[in-house]
Amino acid sequence: MPNTHKKLFLIIGAPGSGKTTDAELIAKENENITHYSTGDVLREEVALGSERGLELDTYMSKGNIVPIDMVMETIINSIKKSPTEVILIDGFPRSVEQMNTLDSYLEKEDSISLLHVIEIEVSEKTARDRVLGRSRGKDDNSEVFDNRIKLYLKPLPSIKAFYGLKKMLVVISGEGSLEIIVKELHEFIQSKI
């Protein structure tokens, strides 16, 4: 049913907040929800070794923000091709520019509605302990973490203010156990769809 109206939830949080794991678990338990991680969508492109993938890698390997047009194209294509009506995207927006670009795109796009932006809130210490403890790849070292957390925190007040004014922002604590966080997030999403 690719032509149905898409209901979008954005899940933001610091590196290590658990946003990707939370969203994955919710999508796994619900066949009517699809999850896309911005990072995964972009990493898949890198793994393909395509021209765009190689270009993406020059940004991502340093923990830097990928140019807006490359990100938007990838995300919007994913939403439109999604097999379900409800879509969770985590790790987006990561900048005021991404937020504004998405907003102006959604104003013109009748087939996609942004319902809520959910922040999974964790302390910087929790985020650091989790990221440096998982060591998945070359982006999991202290220096790159410092860069990533700085990039995440800098635009956060503007992003929260923007979606707060639109009455779309919800903050959920990411400090507790995975079960509790997923349950709270799941209940909130179900109550809105």
N, C-alpha and C. Protein backbone atom coordinates (compact mmCIF):
# COMPACT_ATOMS: atom_id res chain seq x y z
N MET A 1 0.82 -1.21 0.00
CA MET A 1 0.00 0.00 0.00
C MET A 1 0.85 1.26 0.00
N PRO A 2 1.73 1.41 -0.97
CA PRO A 2 2.65 2.54 -0.96
C PRO A 2 1.96 3.90 -1.14
N ASN A 3 0.70 3.92 -1.60
CA ASN A 3 0.07 5.21 -1.88
C ASN A 3 -0.69 5.80 -0.70
N THR A 4 -0.71 5.11 0.46
CA THR A 4 -1.46 5.66 1.59
C THR A 4 -0.75 6.88 2.16
N HIS A 5 -1.53 7.62 2.95
CA HIS A 5 -0.99 8.79 3.62
C HIS A 5 -0.02 8.33 4.71
N LYS A 6 1.17 8.92 4.75
CA LYS A 6 2.19 8.49 5.71
C LYS A 6 2.15 9.34 6.98
N LYS A 7 2.19 8.67 8.13
CA LYS A 7 2.24 9.35 9.43
C LYS A 7 3.65 9.20 9.97
N LEU A 8 4.30 10.34 10.19
CA LEU A 8 5.72 10.34 10.51
C LEU A 8 5.98 10.76 11.95
N PHE A 9 6.84 9.99 12.63
CA PHE A 9 7.35 10.36 13.94
C PHE A 9 8.86 10.48 13.81
N LEU A 10 9.43 11.58 14.28
CA LEU A 10 10.88 11.74 14.29
C LEU A 10 11.37 11.50 15.71
N ILE A 11 12.43 10.71 15.85
CA ILE A 11 12.97 10.42 17.17
C ILE A 11 14.40 10.96 17.22
N ILE A 12 14.61 11.93 18.11
CA ILE A 12 15.94 12.54 18.22
C ILE A 12 16.54 12.19 19.58
N GLY A 13 17.86 12.23 19.64
CA GLY A 13 18.55 11.95 20.89
C GLY A 13 20.03 11.95 20.64
N ALA A 14 20.79 12.15 21.70
CA ALA A 14 22.24 12.17 21.58
C ALA A 14 22.75 10.82 21.08
N PRO A 15 23.98 10.78 20.52
CA PRO A 15 24.58 9.49 20.21
C PRO A 15 24.58 8.67 21.51
N GLY A 16 24.13 7.42 21.46
CA GLY A 16 24.10 6.60 22.67
C GLY A 16 22.83 6.74 23.48
N SER A 17 21.86 7.54 23.01
CA SER A 17 20.60 7.70 23.77
C SER A 17 19.72 6.46 23.65
N GLY A 18 20.01 5.61 22.66
CA GLY A 18 19.20 4.40 22.48
C GLY A 18 18.08 4.58 21.46
N LYS A 19 18.05 5.75 20.80
CA LYS A 19 16.92 6.04 19.90
C LYS A 19 16.75 5.01 18.80
N THR A 20 17.84 4.51 18.23
CA THR A 20 17.74 3.54 17.14
C THR A 20 17.22 2.20 17.65
N THR A 21 17.77 1.73 18.77
CA THR A 21 17.33 0.46 19.35
C THR A 21 15.85 0.54 19.72
N ASP A 22 15.43 1.64 20.36
CA ASP A 22 14.03 1.80 20.77
C ASP A 22 13.10 1.70 19.56
N ALA A 23 13.44 2.45 18.53
CA ALA A 23 12.59 2.49 17.33
C ALA A 23 12.57 1.14 16.63
N GLU A 24 13.73 0.45 16.57
CA GLU A 24 13.80 -0.88 15.94
C GLU A 24 12.87 -1.86 16.65
N LEU A 25 12.91 -1.85 17.98
CA LEU A 25 12.09 -2.79 18.76
C LEU A 25 10.60 -2.53 18.55
N ILE A 26 10.22 -1.26 18.52
CA ILE A 26 8.80 -0.92 18.31
C ILE A 26 8.34 -1.38 16.93
N ALA A 27 9.16 -1.14 15.90
CA ALA A 27 8.80 -1.55 14.54
C ALA A 27 8.73 -3.07 14.43
N LYS A 28 9.62 -3.77 15.14
CA LYS A 28 9.65 -5.23 15.10
C LYS A 28 8.37 -5.82 15.69
N GLU A 29 7.82 -5.15 16.72
CA GLU A 29 6.61 -5.64 17.39
C GLU A 29 5.33 -5.24 16.67
N ASN A 30 5.41 -4.36 15.69
CA ASN A 30 4.21 -3.85 15.01
C ASN A 30 4.39 -3.92 13.51
N GLU A 31 3.60 -4.75 12.84
CA GLU A 31 3.77 -4.84 11.39
C GLU A 31 3.23 -3.60 10.67
N ASN A 32 2.52 -2.71 11.42
CA ASN A 32 2.02 -1.48 10.79
C ASN A 32 2.96 -0.29 10.98
N ILE A 33 4.19 -0.55 11.52
CA ILE A 33 5.15 0.53 11.72
C ILE A 33 6.48 0.15 11.06
N THR A 34 7.04 1.09 10.29
CA THR A 34 8.36 0.90 9.69
C THR A 34 9.34 1.86 10.35
N HIS A 35 10.55 1.38 10.59
CA HIS A 35 11.58 2.22 11.19
C HIS A 35 12.72 2.45 10.22
N TYR A 36 13.14 3.69 10.11
CA TYR A 36 14.35 4.02 9.36
C TYR A 36 15.27 4.81 10.27
N SER A 37 16.51 4.39 10.35
CA SER A 37 17.51 5.20 11.04
C SER A 37 18.20 6.00 9.96
N THR A 38 18.28 7.30 10.15
CA THR A 38 18.96 8.14 9.16
C THR A 38 20.36 7.59 8.92
N GLY A 39 21.04 7.27 10.02
CA GLY A 39 22.40 6.73 9.92
C GLY A 39 22.45 5.45 9.10
N ASP A 40 21.50 4.53 9.35
CA ASP A 40 21.48 3.25 8.63
C ASP A 40 21.21 3.45 7.15
N VAL A 41 20.24 4.33 6.85
CA VAL A 41 19.90 4.60 5.44
C VAL A 41 21.14 5.13 4.72
N LEU A 42 21.86 6.03 5.39
CA LEU A 42 23.07 6.59 4.79
C LEU A 42 24.21 5.56 4.75
N ARG A 43 24.35 4.77 5.83
CA ARG A 43 25.40 3.74 5.86
C ARG A 43 25.19 2.67 4.79
N GLU A 44 23.90 2.32 4.54
CA GLU A 44 23.60 1.35 3.48
C GLU A 44 24.11 1.86 2.13
N GLU A 45 23.91 3.15 1.91
CA GLU A 45 24.38 3.76 0.66
C GLU A 45 25.91 3.69 0.58
N VAL A 46 26.58 3.94 1.71
CA VAL A 46 28.04 3.85 1.76
C VAL A 46 28.49 2.41 1.45
N ALA A 47 27.78 1.44 2.06
CA ALA A 47 28.13 0.02 1.89
C ALA A 47 27.97 -0.43 0.44
N LEU A 48 27.03 0.20 -0.28
CA LEU A 48 26.83 -0.13 -1.69
C LEU A 48 28.04 0.27 -2.53
N GLY A 49 28.83 1.21 -1.99
CA GLY A 49 30.00 1.67 -2.72
C GLY A 49 29.66 2.53 -3.92
N SER A 50 28.44 3.06 -3.93
CA SER A 50 28.01 3.92 -5.04
C SER A 50 28.77 5.24 -4.98
N GLU A 51 28.62 6.02 -6.01
CA GLU A 51 29.27 7.33 -6.05
C GLU A 51 28.79 8.18 -4.88
N ARG A 52 27.48 8.18 -4.65
CA ARG A 52 26.94 8.94 -3.52
C ARG A 52 27.45 8.36 -2.21
N GLY A 53 27.53 7.03 -2.13
CA GLY A 53 28.01 6.37 -0.92
C GLY A 53 29.42 6.80 -0.56
N LEU A 54 30.28 6.89 -1.56
CA LEU A 54 31.67 7.32 -1.33
C LEU A 54 31.71 8.77 -0.85
N GLU A 55 30.84 9.59 -1.44
CA GLU A 55 30.77 10.99 -1.04
C GLU A 55 30.25 11.11 0.40
N LEU A 56 29.21 10.32 0.73
CA LEU A 56 28.66 10.32 2.08
C LEU A 56 29.74 9.94 3.10
N ASP A 57 30.55 8.96 2.74
CA ASP A 57 31.57 8.44 3.66
C ASP A 57 32.59 9.50 4.05
N THR A 58 32.88 10.45 3.14
CA THR A 58 33.86 11.49 3.48
C THR A 58 33.36 12.35 4.65
N TYR A 59 32.04 12.47 4.80
CA TYR A 59 31.48 13.22 5.93
C TYR A 59 31.33 12.32 7.15
N MET A 60 30.71 11.15 6.93
CA MET A 60 30.33 10.30 8.05
C MET A 60 31.52 9.72 8.80
N SER A 61 32.60 9.42 8.11
CA SER A 61 33.76 8.82 8.79
C SER A 61 34.39 9.78 9.79
N LYS A 62 34.11 11.08 9.63
CA LYS A 62 34.64 12.07 10.57
C LYS A 62 33.59 12.51 11.59
N GLY A 63 32.37 11.96 11.47
CA GLY A 63 31.30 12.35 12.38
C GLY A 63 30.68 13.69 12.03
N ASN A 64 30.91 14.16 10.78
CA ASN A 64 30.38 15.45 10.37
C ASN A 64 28.99 15.31 9.75
N ILE A 65 28.28 16.43 9.68
CA ILE A 65 26.93 16.43 9.11
C ILE A 65 27.00 16.33 7.58
N VAL A 66 26.18 15.43 7.05
CA VAL A 66 26.10 15.20 5.61
C VAL A 66 25.28 16.33 4.96
N PRO A 67 25.65 16.78 3.75
CA PRO A 67 24.89 17.86 3.10
C PRO A 67 23.40 17.55 3.00
N ILE A 68 22.63 18.60 3.23
CA ILE A 68 21.18 18.49 3.37
C ILE A 68 20.49 17.82 2.18
N ASP A 69 20.88 18.17 0.95
CA ASP A 69 20.17 17.61 -0.20
C ASP A 69 20.36 16.09 -0.29
N MET A 70 21.56 15.62 0.06
CA MET A 70 21.82 14.18 0.03
C MET A 70 20.97 13.45 1.06
N VAL A 71 20.87 14.04 2.25
CA VAL A 71 20.09 13.42 3.32
C VAL A 71 18.60 13.43 2.98
N MET A 72 18.10 14.59 2.55
CA MET A 72 16.66 14.72 2.27
C MET A 72 16.20 13.75 1.20
N GLU A 73 16.97 13.67 0.12
CA GLU A 73 16.62 12.76 -0.97
C GLU A 73 16.48 11.33 -0.47
N THR A 74 17.47 10.91 0.32
CA THR A 74 17.49 9.55 0.85
C THR A 74 16.29 9.31 1.76
N ILE A 75 16.02 10.24 2.67
CA ILE A 75 14.93 10.07 3.64
C ILE A 75 13.56 10.09 2.98
N ILE A 76 13.32 11.08 2.13
CA ILE A 76 12.00 11.21 1.51
C ILE A 76 11.70 9.99 0.63
N ASN A 77 12.69 9.50 -0.09
CA ASN A 77 12.49 8.28 -0.89
C ASN A 77 12.10 7.11 -0.01
N SER A 78 12.78 6.99 1.14
CA SER A 78 12.48 5.90 2.07
C SER A 78 11.04 6.00 2.59
N ILE A 79 10.61 7.21 2.97
CA ILE A 79 9.24 7.40 3.49
C ILE A 79 8.22 7.01 2.43
N LYS A 80 8.40 7.52 1.23
CA LYS A 80 7.42 7.26 0.17
C LYS A 80 7.33 5.78 -0.20
N LYS A 81 8.48 5.08 -0.13
CA LYS A 81 8.49 3.66 -0.50
C LYS A 81 8.14 2.74 0.66
N SER A 82 7.95 3.32 1.84
CA SER A 82 7.69 2.53 3.03
C SER A 82 6.44 1.65 2.85
N PRO A 83 6.52 0.39 3.31
CA PRO A 83 5.38 -0.52 3.16
C PRO A 83 4.25 -0.22 4.15
N THR A 84 4.50 0.62 5.15
CA THR A 84 3.47 0.89 6.16
C THR A 84 3.08 2.36 6.17
N GLU A 85 1.96 2.62 6.88
CA GLU A 85 1.44 3.97 6.98
C GLU A 85 2.21 4.79 8.03
N VAL A 86 2.66 4.11 9.10
CA VAL A 86 3.35 4.79 10.19
C VAL A 86 4.85 4.56 10.06
N ILE A 87 5.61 5.65 10.12
CA ILE A 87 7.06 5.57 9.95
C ILE A 87 7.74 6.27 11.12
N LEU A 88 8.74 5.60 11.69
CA LEU A 88 9.60 6.20 12.71
C LEU A 88 10.95 6.46 12.06
N ILE A 89 11.43 7.68 12.16
CA ILE A 89 12.78 7.98 11.66
C ILE A 89 13.58 8.51 12.83
N ASP A 90 14.72 7.88 13.09
CA ASP A 90 15.53 8.39 14.19
C ASP A 90 16.77 9.09 13.66
N GLY A 91 17.27 10.01 14.48
CA GLY A 91 18.48 10.74 14.11
C GLY A 91 18.25 11.86 13.13
N PHE A 92 17.03 12.40 13.11
CA PHE A 92 16.71 13.47 12.17
C PHE A 92 15.61 14.33 12.76
N PRO A 93 15.68 15.66 12.70
CA PRO A 93 16.74 16.46 12.11
C PRO A 93 17.92 16.63 13.06
N ARG A 94 19.10 16.78 12.47
CA ARG A 94 20.33 16.97 13.25
C ARG A 94 20.82 18.40 13.19
N SER A 95 20.13 19.25 12.45
CA SER A 95 20.54 20.66 12.37
C SER A 95 19.31 21.51 12.10
N VAL A 96 19.44 22.79 12.35
CA VAL A 96 18.34 23.73 12.07
C VAL A 96 18.05 23.72 10.56
N GLU A 97 19.11 23.62 9.76
CA GLU A 97 18.94 23.58 8.31
C GLU A 97 18.11 22.35 7.89
N GLN A 98 18.42 21.20 8.46
CA GLN A 98 17.65 19.98 8.15
C GLN A 98 16.19 20.16 8.58
N MET A 99 15.98 20.73 9.77
CA MET A 99 14.64 20.95 10.29
C MET A 99 13.84 21.85 9.36
N ASN A 100 14.44 22.97 8.95
CA ASN A 100 13.75 23.92 8.08
C ASN A 100 13.48 23.33 6.70
N THR A 101 14.45 22.58 6.18
CA THR A 101 14.28 21.96 4.87
C THR A 101 13.16 20.93 4.91
N LEU A 102 13.15 20.12 5.96
CA LEU A 102 12.08 19.12 6.11
C LEU A 102 10.73 19.81 6.23
N ASP A 103 10.67 20.86 7.04
CA ASP A 103 9.42 21.58 7.26
C ASP A 103 8.87 22.15 5.95
N SER A 104 9.74 22.78 5.15
CA SER A 104 9.25 23.36 3.90
C SER A 104 8.86 22.26 2.91
N TYR A 105 9.55 21.14 2.97
CA TYR A 105 9.18 20.02 2.10
C TYR A 105 7.81 19.48 2.50
N LEU A 106 7.58 19.28 3.80
CA LEU A 106 6.31 18.71 4.26
C LEU A 106 5.13 19.64 4.00
N GLU A 107 5.39 20.94 3.97
CA GLU A 107 4.31 21.89 3.66
C GLU A 107 3.78 21.67 2.25
N LYS A 108 4.66 21.21 1.34
CA LYS A 108 4.25 21.00 -0.06
C LYS A 108 3.79 19.56 -0.31
N GLU A 109 4.08 18.69 0.66
CA GLU A 109 3.85 17.26 0.45
C GLU A 109 2.58 16.80 1.17
N ASP A 110 1.52 16.53 0.39
CA ASP A 110 0.25 16.14 1.00
C ASP A 110 0.23 14.70 1.50
N SER A 111 1.13 13.88 1.01
CA SER A 111 1.07 12.46 1.35
C SER A 111 1.81 12.10 2.65
N ILE A 112 2.47 13.08 3.29
CA ILE A 112 3.21 12.81 4.52
C ILE A 112 2.83 13.84 5.59
N SER A 113 2.44 13.36 6.79
CA SER A 113 2.18 14.26 7.91
C SER A 113 3.15 13.95 9.04
N LEU A 114 3.81 14.99 9.54
CA LEU A 114 4.66 14.82 10.71
C LEU A 114 3.76 14.96 11.93
N LEU A 115 3.64 13.88 12.73
CA LEU A 115 2.78 13.93 13.91
C LEU A 115 3.52 14.44 15.14
N HIS A 116 4.70 13.88 15.43
CA HIS A 116 5.44 14.30 16.62
C HIS A 116 6.93 14.13 16.45
N VAL A 117 7.66 14.94 17.23
CA VAL A 117 9.11 14.80 17.35
C VAL A 117 9.35 14.37 18.80
N ILE A 118 9.97 13.22 18.97
CA ILE A 118 10.18 12.66 20.31
C ILE A 118 11.67 12.70 20.63
N GLU A 119 12.00 13.39 21.72
CA GLU A 119 13.40 13.42 22.15
C GLU A 119 13.61 12.38 23.23
N ILE A 120 14.58 11.48 23.00
CA ILE A 120 15.00 10.53 24.03
C ILE A 120 16.15 11.22 24.76
N GLU A 121 15.89 11.64 25.98
CA GLU A 121 16.83 12.50 26.70
C GLU A 121 17.74 11.69 27.63
N VAL A 122 19.05 11.84 27.45
CA VAL A 122 20.02 11.21 28.35
C VAL A 122 21.10 12.22 28.72
N SER A 123 21.76 11.97 29.85
CA SER A 123 22.87 12.84 30.23
C SER A 123 24.05 12.58 29.29
N GLU A 124 24.95 13.56 29.23
CA GLU A 124 26.13 13.39 28.38
C GLU A 124 26.97 12.21 28.87
N LYS A 125 27.02 11.99 30.20
CA LYS A 125 27.79 10.87 30.75
C LYS A 125 27.22 9.53 30.28
N THR A 126 25.88 9.38 30.36
CA THR A 126 25.24 8.14 29.89
C THR A 126 25.55 7.92 28.42
N ALA A 127 25.41 8.98 27.63
CA ALA A 127 25.66 8.87 26.19
C ALA A 127 27.10 8.42 25.93
N ARG A 128 28.04 9.06 26.59
CA ARG A 128 29.46 8.74 26.40
C ARG A 128 29.75 7.28 26.81
N ASP A 129 29.25 6.88 27.99
CA ASP A 129 29.49 5.51 28.47
C ASP A 129 28.95 4.48 27.48
N ARG A 130 27.76 4.75 26.95
CA ARG A 130 27.15 3.79 26.01
C ARG A 130 27.91 3.73 24.69
N VAL A 131 28.24 4.88 24.12
CA VAL A 131 28.92 4.90 22.82
C VAL A 131 30.31 4.28 22.92
N LEU A 132 31.07 4.70 23.92
CA LEU A 132 32.44 4.19 24.01
C LEU A 132 32.46 2.74 24.49
N GLY A 133 31.37 2.30 25.09
CA GLY A 133 31.27 0.91 25.52
C GLY A 133 30.92 -0.06 24.40
N ARG A 134 30.28 0.47 23.33
CA ARG A 134 29.81 -0.44 22.28
C ARG A 134 30.84 -0.65 21.17
N SER A 135 31.68 0.35 20.94
CA SER A 135 32.76 0.26 19.94
C SER A 135 32.41 -0.55 18.69
N ARG A 136 31.49 -0.02 17.93
CA ARG A 136 31.05 -0.72 16.72
C ARG A 136 32.00 -0.50 15.56
N GLY A 137 32.65 0.64 15.54
CA GLY A 137 33.48 0.92 14.36
C GLY A 137 34.35 2.13 14.60
N LYS A 138 34.83 2.67 13.48
CA LYS A 138 35.80 3.75 13.59
C LYS A 138 35.20 5.04 14.13
N ASP A 139 33.85 5.12 14.18
CA ASP A 139 33.24 6.35 14.69
C ASP A 139 33.02 6.29 16.20
N ASP A 140 33.47 5.19 16.86
CA ASP A 140 33.24 5.06 18.29
C ASP A 140 34.51 5.28 19.09
N ASN A 141 35.10 6.47 18.98
CA ASN A 141 36.20 6.82 19.87
C ASN A 141 35.90 8.16 20.52
N SER A 142 36.67 8.48 21.55
CA SER A 142 36.36 9.64 22.38
C SER A 142 36.34 10.95 21.59
N GLU A 143 37.30 11.12 20.70
CA GLU A 143 37.40 12.35 19.93
C GLU A 143 36.19 12.53 19.01
N VAL A 144 35.83 11.45 18.31
CA VAL A 144 34.68 11.52 17.40
C VAL A 144 33.39 11.69 18.21
N PHE A 145 33.32 11.02 19.38
CA PHE A 145 32.14 11.20 20.23
C PHE A 145 31.98 12.67 20.63
N ASP A 146 33.09 13.30 21.05
CA ASP A 146 33.03 14.71 21.44
C ASP A 146 32.49 15.58 20.30
N ASN A 147 32.94 15.30 19.09
CA ASN A 147 32.47 16.03 17.92
C ASN A 147 30.97 15.78 17.70
N ARG A 148 30.57 14.52 17.79
CA ARG A 148 29.17 14.17 17.54
C ARG A 148 28.23 14.77 18.59
N ILE A 149 28.63 14.73 19.86
CA ILE A 149 27.75 15.26 20.91
C ILE A 149 27.65 16.78 20.77
N LYS A 150 28.75 17.43 20.39
CA LYS A 150 28.74 18.88 20.19
C LYS A 150 27.79 19.24 19.04
N LEU A 151 27.89 18.47 17.94
CA LEU A 151 27.02 18.70 16.79
C LEU A 151 25.55 18.47 17.15
N TYR A 152 25.30 17.50 18.03
CA TYR A 152 23.92 17.21 18.44
C TYR A 152 23.37 18.32 19.33
N LEU A 153 24.18 18.75 20.31
CA LEU A 153 23.68 19.70 21.32
C LEU A 153 23.53 21.12 20.79
N LYS A 154 24.39 21.53 19.86
CA LYS A 154 24.39 22.92 19.40
C LYS A 154 23.02 23.38 18.86
N PRO A 155 22.40 22.63 17.92
CA PRO A 155 21.11 23.10 17.40
C PRO A 155 19.91 22.67 18.24
N LEU A 156 20.14 21.86 19.29
CA LEU A 156 19.01 21.27 20.04
C LEU A 156 18.02 22.30 20.60
N PRO A 157 18.48 23.40 21.24
CA PRO A 157 17.51 24.37 21.76
C PRO A 157 16.61 24.94 20.66
N SER A 158 17.17 25.21 19.49
CA SER A 158 16.37 25.75 18.37
C SER A 158 15.37 24.71 17.86
N ILE A 159 15.81 23.45 17.76
CA ILE A 159 14.93 22.38 17.28
C ILE A 159 13.78 22.17 18.27
N LYS A 160 14.12 22.15 19.56
CA LYS A 160 13.08 21.96 20.59
C LYS A 160 12.09 23.13 20.61
N ALA A 161 12.61 24.35 20.44
CA ALA A 161 11.73 25.53 20.44
C ALA A 161 10.78 25.50 19.25
N PHE A 162 11.32 25.14 18.07
CA PHE A 162 10.54 25.10 16.83
C PHE A 162 9.38 24.10 16.94
N TYR A 163 9.69 22.87 17.33
CA TYR A 163 8.63 21.85 17.42
C TYR A 163 7.76 22.05 18.65
N GLY A 164 8.32 22.69 19.69
CA GLY A 164 7.54 23.01 20.88
C GLY A 164 6.42 23.99 20.54
N LEU A 165 6.74 25.00 19.74
CA LEU A 165 5.73 25.97 19.32
C LEU A 165 4.63 25.33 18.50
N LYS A 166 5.00 24.29 17.74
CA LYS A 166 4.01 23.59 16.93
C LYS A 166 3.26 22.53 17.73
N LYS A 167 3.56 22.44 19.03
CA LYS A 167 2.96 21.44 19.93
C LYS A 167 3.22 20.01 19.43
N MET A 168 4.42 19.79 18.90
CA MET A 168 4.78 18.48 18.37
C MET A 168 5.86 17.79 19.18
N LEU A 169 6.48 18.53 20.13
CA LEU A 169 7.64 17.97 20.84
C LEU A 169 7.22 17.21 22.08
N VAL A 170 7.78 16.00 22.23
CA VAL A 170 7.57 15.19 23.43
C VAL A 170 8.95 14.73 23.89
N VAL A 171 9.21 14.81 25.20
CA VAL A 171 10.50 14.38 25.74
C VAL A 171 10.28 13.15 26.62
N ILE A 172 11.05 12.09 26.33
CA ILE A 172 10.98 10.85 27.11
C ILE A 172 12.38 10.58 27.67
N SER A 173 12.46 10.20 28.93
CA SER A 173 13.78 9.92 29.53
C SER A 173 14.34 8.63 28.95
N GLY A 174 15.62 8.70 28.56
CA GLY A 174 16.30 7.52 28.04
C GLY A 174 17.25 6.91 29.06
N GLU A 175 17.12 7.33 30.32
CA GLU A 175 18.05 6.89 31.36
C GLU A 175 17.67 5.52 31.94
N GLY A 176 16.41 5.15 31.86
CA GLY A 176 15.96 3.91 32.51
C GLY A 176 16.30 2.67 31.71
N SER A 177 15.63 1.57 32.05
CA SER A 177 15.89 0.31 31.34
C SER A 177 15.25 0.37 29.96
N LEU A 178 15.81 -0.41 29.06
CA LEU A 178 15.32 -0.46 27.69
C LEU A 178 13.84 -0.77 27.65
N GLU A 179 13.40 -1.74 28.45
CA GLU A 179 11.98 -2.17 28.46
C GLU A 179 11.07 -1.00 28.79
N ILE A 180 11.45 -0.24 29.82
CA ILE A 180 10.61 0.88 30.26
C ILE A 180 10.53 1.97 29.19
N ILE A 181 11.68 2.29 28.61
CA ILE A 181 11.73 3.34 27.58
C ILE A 181 10.90 2.93 26.36
N VAL A 182 11.09 1.69 25.90
CA VAL A 182 10.36 1.20 24.73
C VAL A 182 8.86 1.19 25.00
N LYS A 183 8.47 0.76 26.21
CA LYS A 183 7.05 0.70 26.57
C LYS A 183 6.43 2.11 26.52
N GLU A 184 7.14 3.07 27.13
CA GLU A 184 6.63 4.45 27.17
C GLU A 184 6.52 5.03 25.75
N LEU A 185 7.56 4.81 24.96
CA LEU A 185 7.58 5.31 23.59
C LEU A 185 6.46 4.66 22.76
N HIS A 186 6.32 3.36 22.90
CA HIS A 186 5.31 2.59 22.16
C HIS A 186 3.90 3.06 22.51
N GLU A 187 3.65 3.21 23.80
CA GLU A 187 2.31 3.65 24.23
C GLU A 187 1.99 5.04 23.68
N PHE A 188 2.98 5.92 23.69
CA PHE A 188 2.76 7.26 23.18
C PHE A 188 2.41 7.21 21.67
N ILE A 189 3.20 6.46 20.91
CA ILE A 189 2.98 6.37 19.45
C ILE A 189 1.60 5.77 19.17
N GLN A 190 1.27 4.69 19.86
CA GLN A 190 -0.05 4.05 19.65
C GLN A 190 -1.18 5.03 19.97
N SER A 191 -1.01 5.87 20.98
CA SER A 191 -2.07 6.80 21.37
C SER A 191 -2.29 7.88 20.31
N LYS A 192 -1.30 8.06 19.41
CA LYS A 192 -1.41 9.12 18.41
C LYS A 192 -1.80 8.62 17.02
N ILE A 193 -1.82 7.30 16.84
CA ILE A 193 -2.17 6.79 15.50
C ILE A 193 -3.51 6.08 15.52
